[in-house]
Amino acid sequence: MATVANNPLEPRLDALFIGHAYIDATFLADALPQGDEKAVAKDYALSFGGNAVTAAFCCAKLGTPPDLLAPLARDWLGHMFLDMADAYRLRLHGRRVARSSLSFVFPNDGKRAILRARDDAYLQSFPRLDISTARLLHLDGHMGDAALYYAKAARERGVLVSLDGGAMRPGLLDLFDHIDVAIVASDLCRQMKLSSAEMLAFLRGKGCCVGGVTEGGDGLIWYENASEVRRLPALHVPPERVVDTSGAGDVFHGAYCASYLEAPQAPWREHFEFARAASAHKVQHLGNEAGLPSQADIALLRKRLMENV
């Protein structure tokens, strides 16, 4: 079960995403039951989950289905994940685990609580894929041995390497030495005891051509090559329209990857402006799949919300 390719006749590998896969169960409820209490949720969504995984599905929805390397189990949730990947024309390369990973997500007042059950005790080595035709590699730091292997291979071949630095993970500091575009979360800054400005200096020192820190409602601070640090404010979404912020960052990463693949010569500001609109779309929908934007969704949202930046 090292590799599951949905259609062997599909084109050669163009983009590869590597991360940990979940099935997300997202519940919208006023409160969580305690003790022997029971409660009925107002709504729920069942979807794929995981940082680079959600980014891969977003990239696919926006028109460029990538290859995806992720853990995969021979259980019912694994079959569900295979069906989801097939629906989005993702070519899935599975690394076998005993059980699928599961997340319970509870959005509440612009925040979200998450309870995870994860199996990352891999039963086999990761598959070695031919990335000679790839234009992009996107990582989230999970599956560190595979991430480092492919990051080095991509660098040798001139493939752009993108990183979602959401949190400290084993091997992440070594991985930074092989990253071209590193967009990290403020949580990682806190874990490394760095301010946002210090984190950007750290990324420059590691040789990242583009580096940024996402700061939630305050948007993104970032640099490109030798440029000064810039700020890209978040698009204003009225609070009453914010439903579920979980996955918004993953959609941001998937959207800028899709934008890069569509127009690799465009400045990164354009890719990030596209991605922040995708993220603003996500927070208005429950669950990852419902929150994936289309190109038309992004165009409409940018037209409606840009004036409020």
Protein backbone atom coordinates (compact mmCIF):
# COMPACT_ATOMS: atom_id res chain seq x y z
CA MET A 1 0.00 0.00 0.00
CA ALA A 2 2.95 2.30 -0.59
CA THR A 3 1.35 4.16 -3.47
CA VAL A 4 -2.26 4.59 -4.50
CA ALA A 5 -2.53 6.40 -7.81
CA ASN A 6 -6.13 7.17 -8.70
CA ASN A 7 -5.45 7.05 -12.42
CA PRO A 8 -2.11 5.82 -13.78
CA LEU A 9 -2.79 7.59 -17.08
CA GLU A 10 -2.85 11.06 -15.50
CA PRO A 11 -0.06 13.53 -16.33
CA ARG A 12 3.35 13.34 -14.68
CA LEU A 13 3.84 14.78 -11.22
CA ASP A 14 3.55 18.59 -11.30
CA ALA A 15 3.20 19.45 -7.61
CA LEU A 16 3.65 17.32 -4.50
CA PHE A 17 2.13 17.99 -1.07
CA ILE A 18 3.31 16.03 2.00
CA GLY A 19 1.49 16.01 5.33
CA HIS A 20 -0.57 14.12 7.89
CA ALA A 21 -4.13 13.20 6.91
CA TYR A 22 -7.15 13.32 9.20
CA ILE A 23 -10.85 12.83 8.91
CA ASP A 24 -12.34 15.94 10.56
CA ALA A 25 -15.71 15.87 12.32
CA THR A 26 -16.72 19.48 12.95
CA PHE A 27 -19.62 20.24 15.28
CA LEU A 28 -21.41 23.55 15.73
CA ALA A 29 -22.86 23.63 19.26
CA ASP A 30 -23.59 26.18 21.97
CA ALA A 31 -21.77 24.13 24.61
CA LEU A 32 -20.09 20.76 25.03
CA PRO A 33 -21.77 18.22 27.31
CA GLN A 34 -20.12 17.39 30.63
CA GLY A 35 -20.31 14.21 32.70
CA ASP A 36 -23.49 12.29 31.83
CA GLU A 37 -25.03 15.19 29.88
CA LYS A 38 -26.23 14.84 26.33
CA ALA A 39 -26.58 17.56 23.72
CA VAL A 40 -27.62 17.97 20.10
CA ALA A 41 -25.37 19.96 17.77
CA LYS A 42 -26.88 22.67 15.62
CA ASP A 43 -24.90 21.48 12.59
CA TYR A 44 -21.95 19.29 11.64
CA ALA A 45 -19.56 18.63 8.78
CA LEU A 46 -17.42 15.61 7.91
CA SER A 47 -14.37 16.27 5.80
CA PHE A 48 -10.68 15.66 5.13
CA GLY A 49 -8.28 17.38 7.51
CA GLY A 50 -4.60 18.09 8.11
CA ASN A 51 -2.47 21.08 7.18
CA ALA A 52 -0.81 20.18 3.88
CA VAL A 53 -3.67 17.78 3.10
CA THR A 54 -6.31 20.50 3.25
CA ALA A 55 -3.97 22.75 1.27
CA ALA A 56 -3.74 20.03 -1.42
CA PHE A 57 -7.54 19.76 -1.68
CA CYS A 58 -7.75 23.57 -1.92
CA CYS A 59 -5.15 23.63 -4.69
CA ALA A 60 -7.13 20.98 -6.53
CA LYS A 61 -10.42 22.90 -6.16
CA LEU A 62 -8.69 25.95 -7.65
CA GLY A 63 -7.74 24.04 -10.77
CA THR A 64 -4.40 22.28 -10.17
CA PRO A 65 -4.79 18.85 -8.54
CA PRO A 66 -1.42 17.94 -7.00
CA ASP A 67 0.00 14.62 -5.89
CA LEU A 68 -0.40 13.99 -2.15
CA LEU A 69 1.80 11.87 0.10
CA ALA A 70 0.08 11.09 3.41
CA PRO A 71 -0.49 8.27 5.91
CA LEU A 72 -3.20 5.83 4.88
CA ALA A 73 -4.83 2.98 6.79
CA ARG A 74 -6.83 -0.02 5.63
CA ASP A 75 -9.93 0.89 7.59
CA TRP A 76 -13.29 2.55 6.91
CA LEU A 77 -11.94 6.05 7.44
CA GLY A 78 -9.10 5.22 5.04
CA HIS A 79 -11.63 4.18 2.40
CA MET A 80 -13.49 7.45 3.01
CA PHE A 81 -10.29 9.42 2.51
CA LEU A 82 -9.56 7.56 -0.74
CA ASP A 83 -13.01 8.50 -2.03
CA MET A 84 -12.42 12.15 -1.10
CA ALA A 85 -9.07 12.22 -2.91
CA ASP A 86 -10.59 10.59 -5.98
CA ALA A 87 -13.41 13.17 -6.06
CA TYR A 88 -10.83 15.97 -6.28
CA ARG A 89 -8.59 14.12 -8.76
CA LEU A 90 -5.72 13.98 -6.25
CA ARG A 91 -3.14 11.28 -6.94
CA LEU A 92 -2.65 9.80 -3.49
CA HIS A 93 0.56 8.10 -2.37
CA GLY A 94 -0.12 6.37 0.92
CA ARG A 95 2.31 5.48 3.68
CA ARG A 96 0.73 2.68 5.63
CA VAL A 97 -0.40 3.10 9.25
CA ALA A 98 -2.60 0.82 11.35
CA ARG A 99 -5.42 3.30 11.96
CA SER A 100 -6.67 6.49 10.35
CA SER A 101 -6.31 9.72 12.30
CA LEU A 102 -9.40 11.56 13.48
CA SER A 103 -10.10 15.13 14.62
CA PHE A 104 -13.11 16.53 16.46
CA VAL A 105 -13.38 20.27 15.84
CA PHE A 106 -15.61 22.63 17.83
CA PRO A 107 -15.80 26.19 16.42
CA ASN A 108 -16.90 28.85 18.89
CA ASP A 109 -16.89 32.67 18.70
CA GLY A 110 -14.12 32.97 16.11
CA LYS A 111 -11.95 30.32 17.78
CA ARG A 112 -11.91 26.55 17.64
CA ALA A 113 -11.13 23.70 20.02
CA ILE A 114 -9.69 20.53 18.51
CA LEU A 115 -9.37 17.01 19.91
CA ARG A 116 -7.19 14.70 17.83
CA ALA A 117 -6.41 10.99 17.75
CA ARG A 118 -3.35 10.42 15.57
CA ASP A 119 -1.49 7.37 14.34
CA ASP A 120 1.98 8.29 13.09
CA ALA A 121 3.61 4.92 13.80
CA TYR A 122 4.41 4.20 10.17
CA LEU A 123 4.43 0.56 9.11
CA GLN A 124 6.65 1.17 6.08
CA SER A 125 9.05 3.69 4.66
CA PHE A 126 7.71 6.52 2.54
CA PRO A 127 7.41 5.99 -1.23
CA ARG A 128 10.16 7.44 -3.43
CA LEU A 129 8.55 9.37 -6.27
CA ASP A 130 10.06 10.85 -9.39
CA ILE A 131 9.82 14.63 -8.91
CA SER A 132 11.91 15.56 -11.94
CA THR A 133 8.87 17.18 -13.59
CA ALA A 134 7.61 18.94 -10.44
CA ARG A 135 7.31 22.70 -10.12
CA LEU A 136 6.28 22.88 -6.46
CA LEU A 137 6.72 20.94 -3.22
CA HIS A 138 4.58 21.94 -0.22
CA LEU A 139 5.27 20.63 3.29
CA ASP A 140 3.82 21.10 6.76
CA GLY A 141 6.62 19.46 8.77
CA HIS A 142 4.74 16.23 9.43
CA MET A 143 6.35 12.98 8.25
CA GLY A 144 9.72 14.62 8.86
CA ASP A 145 11.86 11.97 7.17
CA ALA A 146 9.90 12.23 3.93
CA ALA A 147 9.73 16.04 4.15
CA LEU A 148 13.51 16.37 4.48
CA TYR A 149 14.20 13.81 1.75
CA TYR A 150 11.94 15.54 -0.76
CA ALA A 151 13.00 19.05 0.24
CA LYS A 152 16.62 18.19 -0.51
CA ALA A 153 15.67 16.47 -3.76
CA ALA A 154 13.54 19.42 -4.82
CA ARG A 155 16.30 21.91 -4.09
CA GLU A 156 18.72 19.89 -6.23
CA ARG A 157 16.25 20.06 -9.13
CA GLY A 158 15.29 23.72 -8.77
CA VAL A 159 11.75 22.91 -7.58
CA LEU A 160 10.16 25.59 -5.39
CA VAL A 161 9.80 24.34 -1.80
CA SER A 162 7.02 25.83 0.34
CA LEU A 163 6.53 25.29 4.08
CA ASP A 164 3.53 25.73 6.34
CA GLY A 165 5.29 26.24 9.68
CA GLY A 166 2.29 25.91 11.94
CA ALA A 167 4.06 24.50 14.99
CA MET A 168 7.35 23.01 16.12
CA ARG A 169 7.74 19.44 14.90
CA PRO A 170 10.68 16.98 14.97
CA GLY A 171 13.26 17.94 12.35
CA LEU A 172 11.66 21.28 11.51
CA LEU A 173 14.77 23.36 12.21
CA ASP A 174 16.80 21.21 9.80
CA LEU A 175 14.03 21.46 7.24
CA PHE A 176 14.27 25.27 7.18
CA ASP A 177 17.67 24.96 5.47
CA HIS A 178 15.94 23.68 2.33
CA ILE A 179 12.91 25.97 2.09
CA ASP A 180 12.26 28.71 -0.47
CA VAL A 181 8.92 30.02 0.82
CA ALA A 182 8.31 29.73 4.57
CA ILE A 183 5.04 31.03 5.97
CA VAL A 184 4.82 30.31 9.69
CA ALA A 185 2.17 30.84 12.34
CA SER A 186 2.44 33.06 15.37
CA ASP A 187 2.20 29.85 17.46
CA LEU A 188 5.61 28.78 16.12
CA CYS A 189 7.02 32.20 17.03
CA ARG A 190 5.87 31.68 20.63
CA GLN A 191 7.29 28.16 20.73
CA MET A 192 10.66 29.43 19.49
CA LYS A 193 10.45 32.48 21.80
CA LEU A 194 10.81 34.86 18.85
CA SER A 195 8.85 37.98 17.97
CA SER A 196 7.40 38.16 14.47
CA ALA A 197 10.26 40.45 13.40
CA GLU A 198 12.82 38.09 14.89
CA MET A 199 11.21 35.16 13.11
CA LEU A 200 11.51 36.94 9.78
CA ALA A 201 15.18 37.60 10.50
CA PHE A 202 15.59 33.91 11.36
CA LEU A 203 13.99 32.89 8.05
CA ARG A 204 16.26 35.24 6.10
CA GLY A 205 19.23 33.73 7.89
CA LYS A 206 18.09 30.27 6.84
CA GLY A 207 18.08 31.39 3.20
CA CYS A 208 14.30 31.46 2.67
CA CYS A 209 13.69 33.72 -0.34
CA VAL A 210 10.16 34.51 0.87
CA GLY A 211 9.23 34.46 4.54
CA GLY A 212 6.16 35.45 6.47
CA VAL A 213 4.27 35.22 9.75
CA THR A 214 0.49 34.88 9.81
CA GLU A 215 -1.07 36.84 12.66
CA GLY A 216 -4.72 35.85 12.43
CA GLY A 217 -6.99 38.86 12.20
CA ASP A 218 -3.97 41.14 11.82
CA GLY A 219 -3.05 39.53 8.52
CA LEU A 220 0.42 38.64 7.24
CA ILE A 221 3.82 40.26 7.66
CA TRP A 222 6.33 39.10 5.09
CA TYR A 223 9.34 39.83 2.90
CA GLU A 224 10.39 38.82 -0.59
CA ASN A 225 14.12 38.45 -1.26
CA ALA A 226 15.89 41.62 -0.07
CA SER A 227 12.74 43.72 0.26
CA GLU A 228 11.65 45.49 3.42
CA VAL A 229 9.14 43.77 5.65
CA ARG A 230 5.60 44.39 4.42
CA ARG A 231 2.18 43.91 5.96
CA LEU A 232 -0.83 42.49 4.17
CA PRO A 233 -3.94 43.21 6.27
CA ALA A 234 -6.59 40.54 6.57
CA LEU A 235 -9.82 41.07 4.68
CA HIS A 236 -12.60 42.13 7.02
CA VAL A 237 -15.29 39.48 7.37
CA PRO A 238 -18.25 40.70 9.47
CA PRO A 239 -18.25 38.77 12.78
CA GLU A 240 -21.78 37.51 12.21
CA ARG A 241 -20.56 35.75 9.04
CA VAL A 242 -17.63 33.95 10.69
CA VAL A 243 -18.68 30.33 11.16
CA ASP A 244 -15.53 28.20 11.41
CA THR A 245 -11.93 29.47 11.43
CA SER A 246 -10.45 25.97 11.49
CA GLY A 247 -8.56 25.24 8.28
CA ALA A 248 -8.37 28.89 7.20
CA GLY A 249 -4.58 28.87 7.35
CA ASP A 250 -4.39 25.61 5.41
CA VAL A 251 -6.62 27.10 2.69
CA PHE A 252 -4.32 30.15 2.63
CA HIS A 253 -1.34 27.91 1.87
CA GLY A 254 -3.21 25.88 -0.72
CA ALA A 255 -4.40 29.02 -2.48
CA TYR A 256 -1.00 30.69 -2.77
CA CYS A 257 0.40 27.39 -4.09
CA ALA A 258 -2.36 27.31 -6.71
CA SER A 259 -1.71 30.94 -7.60
CA TYR A 260 2.02 30.27 -7.98
CA LEU A 261 1.38 27.26 -10.23
CA GLU A 262 -0.93 29.39 -12.37
CA ALA A 263 1.45 32.36 -12.62
CA PRO A 264 4.96 31.50 -11.33
CA GLN A 265 6.44 34.80 -12.53
CA ALA A 266 3.95 36.96 -10.62
CA PRO A 267 5.16 38.80 -7.50
CA TRP A 268 4.40 37.07 -4.22
CA ARG A 269 2.16 39.89 -3.12
CA GLU A 270 -0.30 38.82 -5.82
CA HIS A 271 -0.19 35.21 -4.63
CA PHE A 272 -0.78 36.28 -1.01
CA GLU A 273 -3.64 38.64 -1.92
CA PHE A 274 -5.32 35.77 -3.74
CA ALA A 275 -4.74 33.49 -0.76
CA ARG A 276 -6.13 35.87 1.86
CA ALA A 277 -9.40 36.03 -0.09
CA ALA A 278 -9.48 32.24 -0.13
CA SER A 279 -8.98 32.21 3.64
CA ALA A 280 -11.73 34.79 4.14
CA HIS A 281 -14.06 32.53 2.17
CA LYS A 282 -13.18 29.53 4.33
CA VAL A 283 -14.13 31.10 7.68
CA GLN A 284 -17.69 31.63 6.44
CA HIS A 285 -18.34 27.89 6.02
CA LEU A 286 -18.51 24.91 8.36
CA GLY A 287 -15.85 22.29 7.75
CA ASN A 288 -12.90 22.14 5.37
CA GLU A 289 -14.64 20.87 2.27
CA ALA A 290 -17.50 23.37 2.39
CA GLY A 291 -14.94 26.14 2.89
CA LEU A 292 -12.84 25.39 -0.18
CA PRO A 293 -13.24 28.30 -2.60
CA SER A 294 -13.50 28.20 -6.36
CA GLN A 295 -11.86 30.78 -8.59
CA ALA A 296 -15.27 32.47 -8.94
CA ASP A 297 -15.75 32.52 -5.14
CA ILE A 298 -12.44 34.30 -4.68
CA ALA A 299 -13.12 36.84 -7.41
CA LEU A 300 -16.51 37.70 -5.92
CA LEU A 301 -15.23 37.93 -2.36
CA ARG A 302 -12.31 40.16 -3.33
CA LYS A 303 -14.72 42.50 -5.07
CA ARG A 304 -17.01 42.67 -2.04
CA LEU A 305 -14.42 42.95 0.74
CA MET A 306 -11.42 44.80 -0.70
CA GLU A 307 -12.95 48.17 0.11
CA ASN A 308 -12.95 47.25 3.80
CA VAL A 309 -9.22 46.49 4.01
